[in-house]
Amino acid sequence: MATDRAWCSIHVPASLPLEKEVEKMNIALWILQALLALFFIWVGGMKLFSPISSLEKSFTWIKETRPFVVRYIGACEALGSLGLILPGVTHILTDLTIVAALGLCLVMIYASIFHAKRKEFSNIIFNSVIFLLAFFVAFGRFALVRF
């Protein structure tokens, strides 16, 4: 006795709406990662390779900071920028993107504290925006869209 099971078949569309949302979020995260990486490789590279005397003209706080600290901050920013991009591109140790984004968040927290002591409130706002963007990358890659 054959039974007809057509009544219980479920139609599943080829592309689920959730998959499209995940793809859009992945693209948004990649764009944000690229923009943050460009920013941090630029400012980090300047702090690493430019003469301190020329940096003092652009950044007033450098006059009150030891050159080693300026170079260290530049190295952290430059390495963080590489950490935002390379793990996802190479598909090697992809969780390092999350670590890099959180590391850049720490750099922005320390920068905000430093600028708060100097009462440079416009710098604090800028650092806070960069912090939020880096935190969104960390959260997005951890909880929303993994590689």
Foldseek 3Di string as FASTA:
>chain_A
DDDDPPVPDDDDDPDDPVNVVLVVLVVVLVVLLLVQLVVLLVQLVCLQPPDLVVVCVVDVCSVVDDSVVSNVLSVLSNVLSCQLPVCVVVVPPQLSNLVSLVSLLVSLVVQLVVVVVVVNVVSNVVSVVSNVSSNCSNCCCVPPHPD
